[in-house]
Amino acid sequence: MTSRILIIGAGFAGVWSALSAARLLDQAPRGDVRISVLAPQPQLRIRPRFYEADVHTLQAPLEALFDVVGVEFIHGTADSIDSAARQVGYRDADGQPQQLAYDRLILAAGSQVARPAVPGLAEHSFDVDQMESAVRLEQHLHGLASLPASPARNTVVVCGGGFTGIETATEMSPRLRAILGEGHARVVLIDRGTSVGAALGAGITPAIVAASEQAGVEWLTGTSVVAVDAGGVTLDNGEYIASKTVIWTAGVKASPLTAQVAGERDGFGRLRVDDHLKVIGQSHIYATGDVAWAAVDELGNHALMTCQHAIPMGRHSGNNAMADLLGVAPVAYRQPKYVTCLDLGDWGAAYSEGWTRELKLQGQEGKDLKRQINSVWIYPPAADRALALAAADPLIPIVE
């Protein structure tokens, strides 16, 4: 009788879960285990780059890679998990309801932008969270050129001063100038923090300040958006900023599928997992990537919702789900080294190390590293069986 490991999601954690499970299966004399990936499309979408232009190109096809390592791709969108019956309900490519049974489930469904109940936010704002929404923003930006010049047309408001907000704002200035012309672009970044880059720590703040000044990004700190309409945003101090382009980047939350699995959750909705990324309290379900609340060290630090953590977590969850099925020892997930590489537009980038974010590289040196990360390191391996399986070893560190 064939057993199945079912992986929900083809993001960074899902892809590497599939490859790692295939790697361990390749080492076992077993032909009765199937690895299946259920996702809306057979492509890895390079989500960390969705603040860039030409968003539709930022994806890597997966069909050839999955074929060469023996992973089955199932085209569909999961909408229910029955842990007692070990079944997942989903809508297939034609929108028809279907069911899949599993022996081990790896939930790698990712995250989505968190939209609070701000009046008008859903109707009048954009985001760079998913490819479809980032493409919609890009089309909107190009459409601005056909409108009469006005403060609202020429102004982009970015809400949220975290990583995504800063990268979006510093990249937006040259993008907007290219569309509207010099002198017709204003970018305003609104953040609740009391100072520029407060959420990212003092180590890289000077780089953020310098890059913002060069790009012409205006920071409004210590404030927040309380309403959005077709003409702009209202701030909590009563100020109104006219803008046709409001981009929301303030926070993310785990996939709503996590609510269908019994377990402890953190404030982002992530499921608490043990050292092997198995959901605590579940016998047959693993969580990985953005849906997993996982310890990275013995000091109390936990994985963040980034590809830096999702890729090695995927290597571990796939390996450990297969190990559980095959009856071999799992590998504990630990990732004590934490780094950041913040893209800062034409100014360059800032690279830091450690949870205190100590600045190591900046400017062009940082940009060269960021380009290497964004164009090479985070992409899946080529469709070569030996190379792909070797790359999925859970003991390979993503950061040297």
Protein backbone atom coordinates (compact mmCIF):
# COMPACT_ATOMS: atom_id res chain seq x y z
CA MET A 1 0.00 0.00 0.00
CA THR A 2 1.40 3.39 -1.00
CA SER A 3 1.89 6.06 1.67
CA ARG A 4 1.76 9.77 0.87
CA ILE A 5 3.52 12.84 2.19
CA LEU A 6 1.35 15.77 1.18
CA ILE A 7 2.85 19.26 1.12
CA ILE A 8 0.49 22.24 0.98
CA GLY A 9 2.22 25.13 -0.75
CA ALA A 10 4.96 25.67 -3.34
CA GLY A 11 6.71 28.61 -1.75
CA PHE A 12 10.25 28.42 -0.39
CA ALA A 13 9.39 26.09 2.49
CA GLY A 14 7.14 23.88 0.35
CA VAL A 15 9.64 23.45 -2.48
CA TRP A 16 12.51 22.60 -0.15
CA SER A 17 10.29 20.26 1.87
CA ALA A 18 9.56 18.33 -1.31
CA LEU A 19 13.21 18.16 -2.34
CA SER A 20 14.38 17.13 1.12
CA ALA A 21 11.74 14.42 1.43
CA ALA A 22 12.79 13.12 -2.01
CA ARG A 23 16.43 13.16 -0.92
CA LEU A 24 15.81 10.93 2.10
CA LEU A 25 13.52 8.61 0.13
CA ASP A 26 16.28 8.26 -2.46
CA GLN A 27 18.47 6.76 0.25
CA ALA A 28 15.88 4.14 1.25
CA PRO A 29 15.03 1.00 -0.74
CA ARG A 30 11.34 1.90 -0.82
CA GLY A 31 9.00 2.27 -3.77
CA ASP A 32 5.79 2.63 -1.82
CA VAL A 33 5.99 6.31 -0.78
CA ARG A 34 4.58 9.20 -2.79
CA ILE A 35 5.50 12.86 -2.33
CA SER A 36 2.82 15.29 -3.50
CA VAL A 37 2.80 19.08 -3.59
CA LEU A 38 -0.59 20.81 -3.70
CA ALA A 39 -0.43 24.43 -4.87
CA PRO A 40 -2.24 26.91 -7.14
CA GLN A 41 0.62 26.97 -9.68
CA PRO A 42 3.76 24.91 -10.45
CA GLN A 43 6.14 27.78 -9.86
CA LEU A 44 8.13 29.26 -7.03
CA ARG A 45 7.19 32.92 -6.89
CA ILE A 46 10.09 35.05 -5.69
CA ARG A 47 8.04 37.01 -3.19
CA PRO A 48 10.93 38.88 -1.52
CA ARG A 49 11.39 40.77 -4.82
CA PHE A 50 7.81 41.87 -5.40
CA TYR A 51 8.69 45.49 -4.63
CA GLU A 52 10.64 45.53 -7.91
CA ALA A 53 9.46 46.29 -11.45
CA ASP A 54 8.57 43.54 -13.97
CA VAL A 55 6.97 41.47 -11.22
CA HIS A 56 5.54 38.90 -13.63
CA THR A 57 9.08 37.65 -14.36
CA LEU A 58 9.89 36.94 -10.72
CA GLN A 59 9.07 33.24 -10.66
CA ALA A 60 10.83 29.94 -11.28
CA PRO A 61 9.04 27.00 -12.96
CA LEU A 62 8.94 23.79 -10.91
CA GLU A 63 7.53 21.10 -13.19
CA ALA A 64 10.87 19.88 -14.60
CA LEU A 65 12.50 20.00 -11.15
CA PHE A 66 9.69 18.03 -9.51
CA ASP A 67 9.65 15.51 -12.35
CA VAL A 68 13.36 14.77 -12.10
CA VAL A 69 13.22 14.13 -8.33
CA GLY A 70 9.96 12.17 -8.46
CA VAL A 71 7.61 14.69 -6.81
CA GLU A 72 3.98 14.80 -7.91
CA PHE A 73 2.47 18.25 -8.46
CA ILE A 74 -1.27 18.64 -7.86
CA HIS A 75 -2.82 21.82 -9.25
CA GLY A 76 -5.27 23.19 -6.70
CA THR A 77 -5.94 25.37 -3.67
CA ALA A 78 -6.34 23.78 -0.25
CA ASP A 79 -9.35 24.94 1.75
CA SER A 80 -9.77 22.39 4.56
CA ILE A 81 -7.73 20.07 6.75
CA ASP A 82 -9.28 17.12 8.61
CA SER A 83 -6.51 15.91 10.91
CA ALA A 84 -8.64 13.08 12.34
CA ALA A 85 -9.40 11.61 8.91
CA ARG A 86 -6.00 12.67 7.50
CA GLN A 87 -7.59 14.38 4.54
CA VAL A 88 -7.19 17.73 2.81
CA GLY A 89 -10.01 19.32 0.84
CA TYR A 90 -9.11 21.49 -2.12
CA ARG A 91 -10.41 23.14 -5.27
CA ASP A 92 -8.82 21.83 -8.44
CA ALA A 93 -7.83 23.90 -11.49
CA ASP A 94 -11.45 23.89 -12.66
CA GLY A 95 -12.75 25.01 -9.27
CA GLN A 96 -14.20 21.61 -8.43
CA PRO A 97 -14.01 20.28 -4.84
CA GLN A 98 -11.62 17.35 -4.33
CA GLN A 99 -10.12 15.36 -1.46
CA LEU A 100 -6.60 14.07 -0.84
CA ALA A 101 -5.60 11.55 1.82
CA TYR A 102 -2.21 11.77 3.50
CA ASP A 103 -0.05 9.81 5.89
CA ARG A 104 2.10 12.81 6.77
CA LEU A 105 1.10 16.41 6.09
CA ILE A 106 3.52 19.31 5.75
CA LEU A 107 1.72 22.62 6.02
CA ALA A 108 3.77 25.16 4.05
CA ALA A 109 0.93 27.49 3.10
CA GLY A 110 2.85 30.70 3.81
CA SER A 111 1.51 34.03 4.95
CA GLN A 112 -0.39 37.03 3.70
CA VAL A 113 -0.47 40.74 4.34
CA ALA A 114 -2.40 41.69 7.48
CA ARG A 115 -5.04 44.31 6.78
CA PRO A 116 -6.56 45.86 9.92
CA ALA A 117 -10.06 47.30 9.96
CA VAL A 118 -9.02 50.72 8.67
CA PRO A 119 -11.92 52.33 6.78
CA GLY A 120 -11.32 52.24 3.03
CA LEU A 121 -8.09 50.24 3.26
CA ALA A 122 -9.36 47.17 1.41
CA GLU A 123 -10.99 49.21 -1.36
CA HIS A 124 -8.35 51.88 -1.97
CA SER A 125 -4.89 50.45 -1.23
CA PHE A 126 -2.32 48.27 -2.96
CA ASP A 127 0.28 45.81 -1.67
CA VAL A 128 3.31 43.84 -2.84
CA ASP A 129 2.38 40.69 -0.95
CA GLN A 130 1.37 38.38 -3.80
CA MET A 131 2.28 38.37 -7.49
CA GLU A 132 -1.24 39.26 -8.57
CA SER A 133 -1.44 42.27 -6.25
CA ALA A 134 2.07 43.44 -7.15
CA VAL A 135 1.21 43.21 -10.86
CA ARG A 136 -1.94 45.21 -10.18
CA LEU A 137 0.18 47.90 -8.51
CA GLU A 138 2.61 47.96 -11.42
CA GLN A 139 -0.20 48.38 -13.94
CA HIS A 140 -1.64 51.17 -11.81
CA LEU A 141 1.71 52.99 -11.67
CA HIS A 142 2.06 52.96 -15.45
CA GLY A 143 -1.52 54.17 -15.75
CA LEU A 144 -0.69 57.28 -13.70
CA ALA A 145 1.09 58.77 -16.72
CA SER A 146 -2.26 59.15 -18.49
CA LEU A 147 -3.73 61.28 -15.68
CA PRO A 148 -3.36 65.03 -15.37
CA ALA A 149 -0.55 66.13 -13.09
CA SER A 150 -1.69 66.71 -9.51
CA PRO A 151 -0.35 66.17 -5.99
CA ALA A 152 -2.49 63.03 -5.67
CA ARG A 153 -1.22 61.55 -8.94
CA ASN A 154 2.40 62.32 -8.13
CA THR A 155 2.37 61.00 -4.55
CA VAL A 156 2.87 57.43 -3.36
CA VAL A 157 2.15 56.73 0.30
CA VAL A 158 3.81 53.64 1.78
CA CYS A 159 2.28 52.50 5.07
CA GLY A 160 4.72 50.65 7.34
CA GLY A 161 8.42 51.19 8.01
CA GLY A 162 9.59 47.58 8.25
CA PHE A 163 11.69 45.72 5.70
CA THR A 164 9.03 45.58 3.01
CA GLY A 165 8.01 49.19 3.48
CA ILE A 166 11.56 50.52 3.28
CA GLU A 167 12.48 48.42 0.26
CA THR A 168 9.26 49.42 -1.49
CA ALA A 169 9.69 53.12 -0.75
CA THR A 170 13.35 53.42 -1.79
CA GLU A 171 12.67 51.44 -4.97
CA MET A 172 9.48 53.38 -5.70
CA SER A 173 11.16 56.76 -6.13
CA PRO A 174 13.14 55.89 -9.29
CA ARG A 175 10.24 53.79 -10.62
CA LEU A 176 7.84 56.70 -10.25
CA ARG A 177 10.26 59.21 -11.78
CA ALA A 178 10.75 56.92 -14.78
CA ILE A 179 6.98 56.93 -15.36
CA LEU A 180 6.09 60.54 -14.51
CA GLY A 181 9.36 62.34 -15.18
CA GLU A 182 11.76 64.21 -12.92
CA GLY A 183 10.12 66.56 -10.46
CA HIS A 184 6.81 64.71 -10.49
CA ALA A 185 7.43 62.03 -7.90
CA ARG A 186 6.85 62.16 -4.16
CA VAL A 187 7.15 59.15 -1.86
CA VAL A 188 5.93 59.38 1.73
CA LEU A 189 6.57 56.57 4.23
CA ILE A 190 4.30 56.49 7.28
CA ASP A 191 5.44 54.56 10.34
CA ARG A 192 4.31 54.25 13.95
CA GLY A 193 7.94 54.10 15.10
CA THR A 194 9.30 57.16 16.80
CA SER A 195 12.27 57.51 14.42
CA VAL A 196 13.40 56.52 10.93
CA GLY A 197 13.99 52.77 10.73
CA ALA A 198 13.13 52.27 14.41
CA ALA A 199 11.83 48.74 13.81
CA LEU A 200 15.15 47.60 12.33
CA GLY A 201 17.54 48.72 15.05
CA ALA A 202 20.19 51.40 15.45
CA GLY A 203 22.90 49.54 13.53
CA ILE A 204 21.45 50.10 10.09
CA THR A 205 19.50 53.30 10.75
CA PRO A 206 22.21 55.62 9.30
CA ALA A 207 22.12 53.63 6.03
CA ILE A 208 18.32 53.91 5.89
CA VAL A 209 18.49 57.66 6.53
CA ALA A 210 21.12 58.19 3.82
CA ALA A 211 19.26 56.07 1.28
CA SER A 212 15.96 57.78 2.05
CA GLU A 213 17.51 61.21 1.61
CA GLN A 214 19.05 60.22 -1.71
CA ALA A 215 15.79 58.73 -2.99
CA GLY A 216 13.71 61.62 -1.69
CA VAL A 217 11.63 59.42 0.60
CA GLU A 218 9.85 61.48 3.26
CA TRP A 219 9.35 59.75 6.61
CA LEU A 220 6.38 60.60 8.83
CA THR A 221 7.14 58.82 12.10
CA GLY A 222 5.09 58.38 15.24
CA THR A 223 1.87 58.34 13.29
CA SER A 224 -0.49 55.93 11.57
CA VAL A 225 -3.19 55.81 8.93
CA VAL A 226 -6.77 55.86 10.24
CA ALA A 227 -8.66 56.03 6.93
CA VAL A 228 -8.08 55.63 3.19
CA ASP A 229 -10.24 56.93 0.38
CA ALA A 230 -9.96 57.33 -3.38
CA GLY A 231 -8.04 60.56 -2.97
CA GLY A 232 -5.55 59.76 -0.22
CA VAL A 233 -5.04 58.93 3.46
CA THR A 234 -6.06 60.47 6.77
CA LEU A 235 -3.55 60.24 9.61
CA ASP A 236 -4.24 59.91 13.33
CA ASN A 237 -3.17 63.54 13.82
CA GLY A 238 -5.85 64.70 11.39
CA GLU A 239 -3.49 65.41 8.50
CA TYR A 240 -4.69 64.41 5.04
CA ILE A 241 -2.23 63.40 2.31
CA ALA A 242 -3.53 63.40 -1.25
CA SER A 243 -2.45 60.24 -3.08
CA LYS A 244 -3.76 57.98 -5.83
CA THR A 245 -1.31 55.26 -4.74
CA VAL A 246 -1.42 53.93 -1.17
CA ILE A 247 0.70 50.81 -0.54
CA TRP A 248 0.08 48.81 2.64
CA THR A 249 3.10 46.91 4.05
CA ALA A 250 2.36 47.01 7.79
CA GLY A 251 2.43 43.41 8.94
CA VAL A 252 1.72 39.84 7.86
CA LYS A 253 -0.19 36.88 9.28
CA ALA A 254 0.05 33.13 8.77
CA SER A 255 -2.21 31.34 6.30
CA PRO A 256 -5.77 30.90 7.63
CA LEU A 257 -5.32 27.14 7.12
CA THR A 258 -3.44 27.11 10.43
CA ALA A 259 -6.78 27.68 12.20
CA GLN A 260 -7.90 24.21 11.05
CA VAL A 261 -5.10 22.46 12.92
CA ALA A 262 -5.41 22.13 16.69
CA GLY A 263 -2.38 23.58 18.43
CA GLU A 264 -0.83 26.55 20.18
CA ARG A 265 -0.30 29.70 18.09
CA ASP A 266 1.68 32.91 18.35
CA GLY A 267 0.46 36.42 17.59
CA PHE A 268 0.97 35.89 13.86
CA GLY A 269 -1.20 32.77 13.84
CA ARG A 270 1.77 30.43 13.40
CA LEU A 271 1.55 26.92 14.82
CA ARG A 272 3.98 26.02 17.56
CA VAL A 273 6.26 23.18 16.48
CA ASP A 274 8.82 20.99 18.21
CA ASP A 275 12.52 20.75 17.32
CA HIS A 276 11.65 18.53 14.34
CA LEU A 277 8.96 20.97 13.07
CA LYS A 278 6.10 18.65 13.99
CA VAL A 279 3.08 20.57 15.27
CA ILE A 280 2.94 20.10 19.02
CA GLY A 281 -0.05 17.92 19.84
CA GLN A 282 -0.27 16.44 16.34
CA SER A 283 1.07 13.01 15.34
CA HIS A 284 1.08 13.38 11.57
CA ILE A 285 1.28 17.11 10.78
CA TYR A 286 4.37 19.28 10.31
CA ALA A 287 4.39 23.05 9.87
CA THR A 288 7.18 24.93 8.14
CA GLY A 289 8.09 28.35 6.81
CA ASP A 290 5.73 31.21 7.61
CA VAL A 291 3.14 28.99 9.35
CA ALA A 292 5.61 27.58 11.90
CA TRP A 293 6.47 29.09 15.27
CA ALA A 294 9.89 27.48 15.56
CA ALA A 295 12.89 28.03 17.83
CA VAL A 296 16.13 28.76 15.97
CA ASP A 297 18.47 28.52 18.97
CA GLU A 298 18.56 27.95 22.73
CA LEU A 299 18.42 31.68 23.51
CA GLY A 300 14.72 32.27 22.91
CA ASN A 301 14.94 33.46 19.30
CA HIS A 302 12.39 32.20 16.78
CA ALA A 303 12.29 31.96 13.01
CA LEU A 304 11.03 35.02 11.19
CA MET A 305 8.62 35.01 8.28
CA THR A 306 11.35 35.30 5.65
CA CYS A 307 12.90 33.04 3.02
CA GLN A 308 16.13 33.05 5.07
CA HIS A 309 14.33 30.82 7.55
CA ALA A 310 11.83 29.17 5.22
CA ILE A 311 14.45 27.46 3.03
CA PRO A 312 16.31 25.60 5.82
CA MET A 313 13.04 24.93 7.62
CA GLY A 314 11.80 23.27 4.44
CA ARG A 315 14.92 21.13 4.28
CA HIS A 316 14.20 19.96 7.82
CA SER A 317 10.44 19.48 7.62
CA GLY A 318 10.62 17.41 4.43
CA ASN A 319 13.45 15.30 5.79
CA ASN A 320 11.72 14.76 9.13
CA ALA A 321 8.30 13.92 7.73
CA MET A 322 9.94 11.31 5.51
CA ALA A 323 12.09 10.08 8.41
CA ASP A 324 8.94 9.65 10.49
CA LEU A 325 7.33 7.62 7.72
CA LEU A 326 10.44 5.49 7.13
CA GLY A 327 11.20 4.97 10.82
CA VAL A 328 14.62 6.65 10.83
CA ALA A 329 16.02 9.38 13.08
CA PRO A 330 14.94 12.99 12.39
CA VAL A 331 17.22 16.04 12.39
CA ALA A 332 16.62 18.90 14.84
CA TYR A 333 16.10 22.32 13.27
CA ARG A 334 18.46 25.01 14.53
CA GLN A 335 19.58 28.17 12.72
CA PRO A 336 21.50 30.30 15.21
CA LYS A 337 23.05 32.71 12.69
CA TYR A 338 20.71 35.51 11.67
CA VAL A 339 21.51 38.08 8.99
CA THR A 340 19.67 40.78 7.08
CA CYS A 341 20.27 42.37 3.71
CA LEU A 342 18.04 45.40 3.19
CA ASP A 343 17.69 46.74 -0.36
CA LEU A 344 17.87 50.54 -0.37
CA GLY A 345 17.27 51.40 -4.01
CA ASP A 346 19.91 53.27 -6.00
CA TRP A 347 21.85 54.05 -2.81
CA GLY A 348 22.76 50.38 -2.37
CA ALA A 349 21.91 47.97 0.43
CA ALA A 350 22.71 47.35 4.09
CA TYR A 351 23.91 43.93 5.31
CA SER A 352 23.87 43.13 9.01
CA GLU A 353 24.61 40.14 11.24
CA GLY A 354 23.15 38.99 14.53
CA TRP A 355 19.84 39.66 16.26
CA THR A 356 21.13 43.12 17.19
CA ARG A 357 21.68 43.75 13.44
CA GLU A 358 25.30 44.87 13.48
CA LEU A 359 26.08 46.57 10.16
CA LYS A 360 28.75 44.76 8.12
CA LEU A 361 28.33 46.01 4.54
CA GLN A 362 26.59 48.99 3.00
CA GLY A 363 26.26 50.95 -0.21
CA GLN A 364 27.49 49.22 -3.36
CA GLU A 365 29.12 46.34 -1.46
CA GLY A 366 25.80 45.62 0.19
CA LYS A 367 24.00 45.92 -3.14
CA ASP A 368 26.28 43.38 -4.79
CA LEU A 369 25.50 40.89 -2.03
CA LYS A 370 21.77 41.66 -2.22
CA ARG A 371 21.77 40.99 -5.97
CA GLN A 372 23.53 37.67 -5.38
CA ILE A 373 20.92 36.71 -2.79
CA ASN A 374 17.96 37.84 -4.87
CA SER A 375 19.05 36.44 -8.23
CA VAL A 376 20.87 33.24 -7.25
CA TRP A 377 20.71 32.05 -3.65
CA ILE A 378 16.96 32.05 -3.15
CA TYR A 379 16.12 30.39 -6.47
CA PRO A 380 15.53 26.61 -6.61
CA PRO A 381 18.23 24.32 -8.06
CA ALA A 382 18.34 23.27 -11.69
CA ALA A 383 16.35 20.21 -12.81
CA ASP A 384 19.28 17.86 -12.22
CA ARG A 385 18.40 14.99 -9.88
CA ALA A 386 21.79 14.57 -8.21
CA LEU A 387 22.36 18.31 -7.74
CA ALA A 388 18.82 18.99 -6.51
CA LEU A 389 18.86 16.19 -3.95
CA ALA A 390 22.31 17.17 -2.69
CA ALA A 391 21.14 20.76 -2.25
CA ALA A 392 18.26 19.57 -0.05
CA ASP A 393 20.43 18.18 2.75
CA PRO A 394 19.05 19.63 6.02
CA LEU A 395 22.58 19.95 7.42
CA ILE A 396 23.58 22.51 4.77
CA PRO A 397 23.55 25.98 6.34
CA ILE A 398 21.99 28.75 4.27
CA VAL A 399 24.32 31.34 5.84
CA GLU A 400 28.03 30.60 6.16
